[in-house]
C-alpha atoms as a PDB file:
ATOM      1  CA  MET A   1     141.325 110.404  71.522  1.00  0.00           C
ATOM      2  CA  LEU A   2     143.265 113.816  72.386  1.00  0.00           C
ATOM      3  CA  ASP A   3     141.839 114.773  69.237  1.00  0.00           C
ATOM      4  CA  LYS A   4     138.091 114.541  70.687  1.00  0.00           C
ATOM      5  CA  PHE A   5     138.853 117.003  73.236  1.00  0.00           C
ATOM      6  CA  VAL A   6     139.937 119.792  70.743  1.00  0.00           C
ATOM      7  CA  ALA A   7     136.466 118.514  69.111  1.00  0.00           C
ATOM      8  CA  VAL A   8     134.752 119.445  72.345  1.00  0.00           C
ATOM      9  CA  GLY A   9     136.708 122.511  73.191  1.00  0.00           C
ATOM     10  CA  ALA A  10     135.984 123.681  70.217  1.00  0.00           C
ATOM     11  CA  ALA A  11     131.805 123.586  70.898  1.00  0.00           C
ATOM     12  CA  PHE A  12     131.941 125.357  74.071  1.00  0.00           C
ATOM     13  CA  PHE A  13     134.217 127.835  73.268  1.00  0.00           C
ATOM     14  CA  PHE A  14     131.268 128.025  69.873  1.00  0.00           C
ATOM     15  CA  CYS A  15     128.940 128.254  72.659  1.00  0.00           C
ATOM     16  CA  ALA A  16     130.754 130.905  74.561  1.00  0.00           C
ATOM     17  CA  ASN A  17     130.650 132.649  71.720  1.00  0.00           C
ATOM     18  CA  ALA A  18     127.110 133.171  71.208  1.00  0.00           C
ATOM     19  CA  PHE A  19     126.474 133.568  74.783  1.00  0.00           C
ATOM     20  CA  ALA A  20     128.567 136.355  74.684  1.00  0.00           C
ATOM     21  CA  ILE A  21     127.078 137.891  71.203  1.00  0.00           C
ATOM     22  CA  ALA A  22     123.607 137.423  72.710  1.00  0.00           C
ATOM     23  CA  ALA A  23     124.930 139.664  75.802  1.00  0.00           C
ATOM     24  CA  VAL A  24     126.181 142.103  74.003  1.00  0.00           C
ATOM     25  CA  ALA A  25     123.052 142.050  71.742  1.00  0.00           C
ATOM     26  CA  SER A  26     120.721 142.941  73.974  1.00  0.00           C
ATOM     27  CA  PRO A  27     119.791 145.698  76.657  1.00  0.00           C
ATOM     28  CA  TRP A  28     118.973 143.763  79.605  1.00  0.00           C
ATOM     29  CA  TRP A  29     122.073 143.654  81.995  1.00  0.00           C
ATOM     30  CA  ILE A  30     119.624 146.155  84.616  1.00  0.00           C
ATOM     31  CA  ILE A  31     116.381 146.274  84.658  1.00  0.00           C
ATOM     32  CA  TYR A  32     115.595 148.525  87.152  1.00  0.00           C
ATOM     33  CA  LYS A  33     111.401 149.274  88.313  1.00  0.00           C
ATOM     34  CA  PRO A  34     111.566 153.462  89.940  1.00  0.00           C
ATOM     35  CA  ARG A  35     109.480 153.712  92.735  1.00  0.00           C
ATOM     36  CA  GLU A  36     107.404 156.184  91.585  1.00  0.00           C
ATOM     37  CA  ASN A  37     106.500 154.613  88.133  1.00  0.00           C
ATOM     38  CA  ARG A  38     104.023 151.839  89.077  1.00  0.00           C
ATOM     39  CA  ALA A  39     104.582 149.876  86.274  1.00  0.00           C
ATOM     40  CA  GLY A  40     107.258 150.747  83.670  1.00  0.00           C
ATOM     41  CA  VAL A  41     110.507 149.226  83.993  1.00  0.00           C
ATOM     42  CA  ASN A  42     113.576 150.820  82.441  1.00  0.00           C
ATOM     43  CA  LYS A  43     116.337 148.437  81.054  1.00  0.00           C
ATOM     44  CA  TYR A  44     119.593 149.449  80.526  1.00  0.00           C
ATOM     45  CA  GLY A  45     122.762 147.723  78.388  1.00  0.00           C
ATOM     46  CA  LEU A  46     126.117 148.540  76.931  1.00  0.00           C
ATOM     47  CA  THR A  47     124.980 151.290  74.680  1.00  0.00           C
ATOM     48  CA  VAL A  48     121.171 150.867  74.556  1.00  0.00           C
ATOM     49  CA  SER A  49     118.378 152.192  77.001  1.00  0.00           C
ATOM     50  CA  CYS A  50     114.728 150.471  76.776  1.00  0.00           C
ATOM     51  CA  ARG A  51     111.872 152.870  78.497  1.00  0.00           C
ATOM     52  CA  GLN A  52     108.421 151.059  79.031  1.00  0.00           C
ATOM     53  CA  ASP A  53     105.674 153.432  79.556  1.00  0.00           C
ATOM     54  CA  PRO A  54     103.690 153.479  83.057  1.00  0.00           C
ATOM     55  CA  ASP A  55     100.656 151.449  81.514  1.00  0.00           C
ATOM     56  CA  GLY A  56     103.353 148.386  80.275  1.00  0.00           C
ATOM     57  CA  HIS A  57     102.193 148.751  76.882  1.00  0.00           C
ATOM     58  CA  ARG A  58     104.587 150.455  75.243  1.00  0.00           C
ATOM     59  CA  GLU A  59     108.665 150.227  75.399  1.00  0.00           C
ATOM     60  CA  TRP A  60     111.019 152.972  74.094  1.00  0.00           C
ATOM     61  CA  CYS A  61     114.406 151.844  72.967  1.00  0.00           C
ATOM     62  CA  GLY A  62     117.325 154.370  72.091  1.00  0.00           C
ATOM     63  CA  TYR A  63     121.119 155.085  72.655  1.00  0.00           C
ATOM     64  CA  VAL A  64     121.536 156.983  75.834  1.00  0.00           C
ATOM     65  CA  ASP A  65     125.381 158.224  77.602  1.00  0.00           C
ATOM     66  CA  VAL A  66     126.293 155.208  79.412  1.00  0.00           C
ATOM     67  CA  PRO A  67     129.241 154.976  82.353  1.00  0.00           C
ATOM     68  CA  GLY A  68     132.366 154.220  80.486  1.00  0.00           C
ATOM     69  CA  GLU A  69     133.369 151.398  82.434  1.00  0.00           C
ATOM     70  CA  TRP A  70     130.248 150.096  80.385  1.00  0.00           C
ATOM     71  CA  THR A  71     131.913 151.212  77.372  1.00  0.00           C
ATOM     72  CA  ALA A  72     135.605 149.535  78.583  1.00  0.00           C
ATOM     73  CA  THR A  73     133.057 146.231  79.025  1.00  0.00           C
ATOM     74  CA  LEU A  74     131.670 146.618  75.773  1.00  0.00           C
ATOM     75  CA  VAL A  75     135.006 146.678  73.707  1.00  0.00           C
ATOM     76  CA  LEU A  76     136.310 144.185  76.260  1.00  0.00           C
ATOM     77  CA  LEU A  77     133.494 141.788  75.223  1.00  0.00           C
ATOM     78  CA  VAL A  78     133.816 142.771  71.312  1.00  0.00           C
ATOM     79  CA  VAL A  79     137.774 141.823  71.613  1.00  0.00           C
ATOM     80  CA  GLY A  80     137.054 138.952  73.983  1.00  0.00           C
ATOM     81  CA  ILE A  81     134.698 137.892  71.004  1.00  0.00           C
ATOM     82  CA  VAL A  82     136.660 138.101  68.491  1.00  0.00           C
ATOM     83  CA  CYS A  83     139.176 136.047  70.102  1.00  0.00           C
ATOM     84  CA  MET A  84     136.809 133.428  70.629  1.00  0.00           C
ATOM     85  CA  CYS A  85     135.649 133.363  66.671  1.00  0.00           C
ATOM     86  CA  VAL A  86     139.760 132.858  65.592  1.00  0.00           C
ATOM     87  CA  THR A  87     139.771 130.142  68.267  1.00  0.00           C
ATOM     88  CA  THR A  88     136.973 128.334  67.572  1.00  0.00           C
ATOM     89  CA  PHE A  89     138.239 128.599  63.872  1.00  0.00           C
ATOM     90  CA  LEU A  90     141.619 127.633  65.012  1.00  0.00           C
ATOM     91  CA  LEU A  91     140.528 124.561  67.291  1.00  0.00           C
ATOM     92  CA  VAL A  92     138.702 123.343  64.281  1.00  0.00           C
ATOM     93  CA  LEU A  93     141.726 123.309  62.021  1.00  0.00           C
ATOM     94  CA  SER A  94     143.813 122.278  64.564  1.00  0.00           C
ATOM     95  CA  LEU A  95     142.154 118.720  64.070  1.00  0.00           C
ATOM     96  CA  TYR A  96     143.664 118.795  60.620  1.00  0.00           C
ATOM     97  CA  LYS A  97     147.097 120.699  61.165  1.00  0.00           C
ATOM     98  CA  ASN A  98     148.663 119.972  64.612  1.00  0.00           C
ATOM     99  CA  GLU A  99     150.958 122.518  65.287  1.00  0.00           C
ATOM    100  CA  LEU A 100     148.135 125.594  65.257  1.00  0.00           C
ATOM    101  CA  LEU A 101     146.781 124.292  68.909  1.00  0.00           C
ATOM    102  CA  GLY A 102     149.292 126.161  70.546  1.00  0.00           C
ATOM    103  CA  LYS A 103     148.214 129.110  68.877  1.00  0.00           C
ATOM    104  CA  ALA A 104     144.638 128.900  69.862  1.00  0.00           C
ATOM    105  CA  GLN A 105     144.983 127.602  73.642  1.00  0.00           C
ATOM    106  CA  LYS A 106     147.206 131.115  73.103  1.00  0.00           C
ATOM    107  CA  VAL A 107     144.464 133.040  71.437  1.00  0.00           C
ATOM    108  CA  ALA A 108     141.686 131.376  73.736  1.00  0.00           C
ATOM    109  CA  PHE A 109     143.522 132.104  77.044  1.00  0.00           C
ATOM    110  CA  ALA A 110     143.768 135.850  75.868  1.00  0.00           C
ATOM    111  CA  GLY A 111     139.639 136.039  75.519  1.00  0.00           C
ATOM    112  CA  MET A 112     139.156 134.244  78.607  1.00  0.00           C
ATOM    113  CA  VAL A 113     141.506 137.089  79.670  1.00  0.00           C
ATOM    114  CA  LEU A 114     139.315 139.689  78.075  1.00  0.00           C
ATOM    115  CA  PHE A 115     135.891 138.548  79.590  1.00  0.00           C
ATOM    116  CA  CYS A 116     137.437 137.838  83.151  1.00  0.00           C
ATOM    117  CA  MET A 117     138.546 141.376  82.674  1.00  0.00           C
ATOM    118  CA  ALA A 118     135.050 142.766  81.766  1.00  0.00           C
ATOM    119  CA  ALA A 119     133.550 140.831  84.206  1.00  0.00           C
ATOM    120  CA  LEU A 120     135.274 142.924  87.102  1.00  0.00           C
ATOM    121  CA  VAL A 121     135.350 146.527  84.713  1.00  0.00           C
ATOM    122  CA  PHE A 122     131.029 146.322  84.497  1.00  0.00           C
ATOM    123  CA  PRO A 123     130.163 146.624  88.055  1.00  0.00           C
ATOM    124  CA  VAL A 124     132.277 149.795  89.045  1.00  0.00           C
ATOM    125  CA  GLY A 125     129.624 151.852  86.830  1.00  0.00           C
ATOM    126  CA  PHE A 126     126.793 150.619  89.219  1.00  0.00           C
ATOM    127  CA  TYR A 127     127.091 154.668  90.150  1.00  0.00           C
ATOM    128  CA  PHE A 128     124.866 154.518  87.170  1.00  0.00           C
ATOM    129  CA  GLU A 129     122.604 158.147  87.579  1.00  0.00           C
ATOM    130  CA  GLU A 130     120.330 156.901  86.291  1.00  0.00           C
ATOM    131  CA  ILE A 131     120.526 153.895  88.713  1.00  0.00           C
ATOM    132  CA  GLY A 132     122.060 155.741  91.833  1.00  0.00           C
ATOM    133  CA  GLY A 133     124.104 152.822  93.116  1.00  0.00           C
ATOM    134  CA  THR A 134     127.349 152.473  94.086  1.00  0.00           C
ATOM    135  CA  PRO A 135     130.472 151.126  92.707  1.00  0.00           C
ATOM    136  CA  TYR A 136     129.974 147.312  92.551  1.00  0.00           C
ATOM    137  CA  LYS A 137     127.104 147.527  94.509  1.00  0.00           C
ATOM    138  CA  LEU A 138     123.612 147.804  93.656  1.00  0.00           C
ATOM    139  CA  MET A 139     121.661 150.349  95.740  1.00  0.00           C
ATOM    140  CA  PRO A 140     118.026 150.748  95.162  1.00  0.00           C
ATOM    141  CA  SER A 141     116.248 147.029  95.958  1.00  0.00           C
ATOM    142  CA  THR A 142     114.120 147.487  92.629  1.00  0.00           C
ATOM    143  CA  SER A 143     117.948 147.094  91.248  1.00  0.00           C
ATOM    144  CA  LYS A 144     118.701 144.175  89.572  1.00  0.00           C
ATOM    145  CA  VAL A 145     121.157 142.176  86.591  1.00  0.00           C
ATOM    146  CA  GLY A 146     119.280 141.055  84.196  1.00  0.00           C
ATOM    147  CA  THR A 147     119.747 138.320  81.598  1.00  0.00           C
ATOM    148  CA  SER A 148     121.875 139.679  79.224  1.00  0.00           C
ATOM    149  CA  TYR A 149     124.483 139.888  82.578  1.00  0.00           C
ATOM    150  CA  VAL A 150     123.480 135.831  83.304  1.00  0.00           C
ATOM    151  CA  LEU A 151     124.214 135.211  79.695  1.00  0.00           C
ATOM    152  CA  PHE A 152     127.544 137.069  79.860  1.00  0.00           C
ATOM    153  CA  VAL A 153     128.832 134.567  82.863  1.00  0.00           C
ATOM    154  CA  MET A 154     127.527 131.901  81.527  1.00  0.00           C
ATOM    155  CA  ALA A 155     130.074 132.950  78.283  1.00  0.00           C
ATOM    156  CA  ILE A 156     132.626 132.875  80.996  1.00  0.00           C
ATOM    157  CA  PHE A 157     131.807 129.279  82.208  1.00  0.00           C
ATOM    158  CA  PHE A 158     131.557 128.021  79.069  1.00  0.00           C
ATOM    159  CA  THR A 159     135.189 129.729  78.101  1.00  0.00           C
ATOM    160  CA  ILE A 160     136.851 128.080  81.154  1.00  0.00           C
ATOM    161  CA  ILE A 161     135.230 124.984  80.719  1.00  0.00           C
ATOM    162  CA  GLY A 162     136.696 125.065  76.890  1.00  0.00           C
ATOM    163  CA  GLU A 163     140.249 126.522  77.481  1.00  0.00           C
ATOM    164  CA  LEU A 164     140.359 122.683  79.909  1.00  0.00           C
ATOM    165  CA  PHE A 165     139.244 120.772  76.659  1.00  0.00           C
ATOM    166  CA  ALA A 166     141.185 122.858  74.269  1.00  0.00           C
ATOM    167  CA  CYS A 167     144.530 122.281  76.414  1.00  0.00           C
ATOM    168  CA  ARG A 168     144.188 118.966  77.427  1.00  0.00           C
ATOM    169  CA  VAL A 169     143.795 119.146  81.131  1.00  0.00           C
ATOM    170  CA  CYS A 170     140.955 117.220  81.636  1.00  0.00           C
ATOM    171  CA  ALA A 171     142.991 115.070  79.165  1.00  0.00           C
ATOM    172  CA  PRO A 172     143.766 111.169  81.076  1.00  0.00           C
ATOM    173  CA  MET A 173     147.391 110.604  81.716  1.00  0.00           C
ATOM    174  CA  PHE A 174     149.265 108.212  79.621  1.00  0.00           C
END
C-alpha cells in the first residue's frame, strides 16, 4: 500500500517539474501595459522580454538586462528542476529498490527549498526600471503577474503535495 503513495508522489513531482519548466520557458512573469501605449503590452520573463507594437499586431522578443534577483530566481529554478527530475527518477526506482526512498526524499526537500527561495527572491526584482515598482510591490496599476508566475506557484504547490506523499505523511498509521 505504501508503494502507491510513493508512485503518487512521483506523479506529483513530475507535474511540478512540468509546471516549473513551462514557467521558465515563457516570458509571461510580469505583464506591463504602459499608459502612453494604447494597445501594446510588454511581457517580462526571467531572461526574455516581449514587446507589442501600439497597434497590437506585431510582437518582438529579445534578451534584456533583468535585475540580478531575477537571474538568481532563474538559477534557483533550474537547480530545483534538476532536483525534481532526480527525485522523480529516484522515486520510480525506489519502487524496486526500497533503500532509494530516503535519498529521493532528501533531494525532493532540497528542490522544494530551492523553489521556495526562488519565490522569495523574485519579487525583490520588482524595482525593474521598465516596470517602476519597488521590491515586493508592483507599483503601476497597469502591472500584474502573468501566467508563468502562476505556473511557478503551482509547481511549488505540487512539490509540497508530492513531498507529503513521498515521505508517507499522508499514509494511514498502522
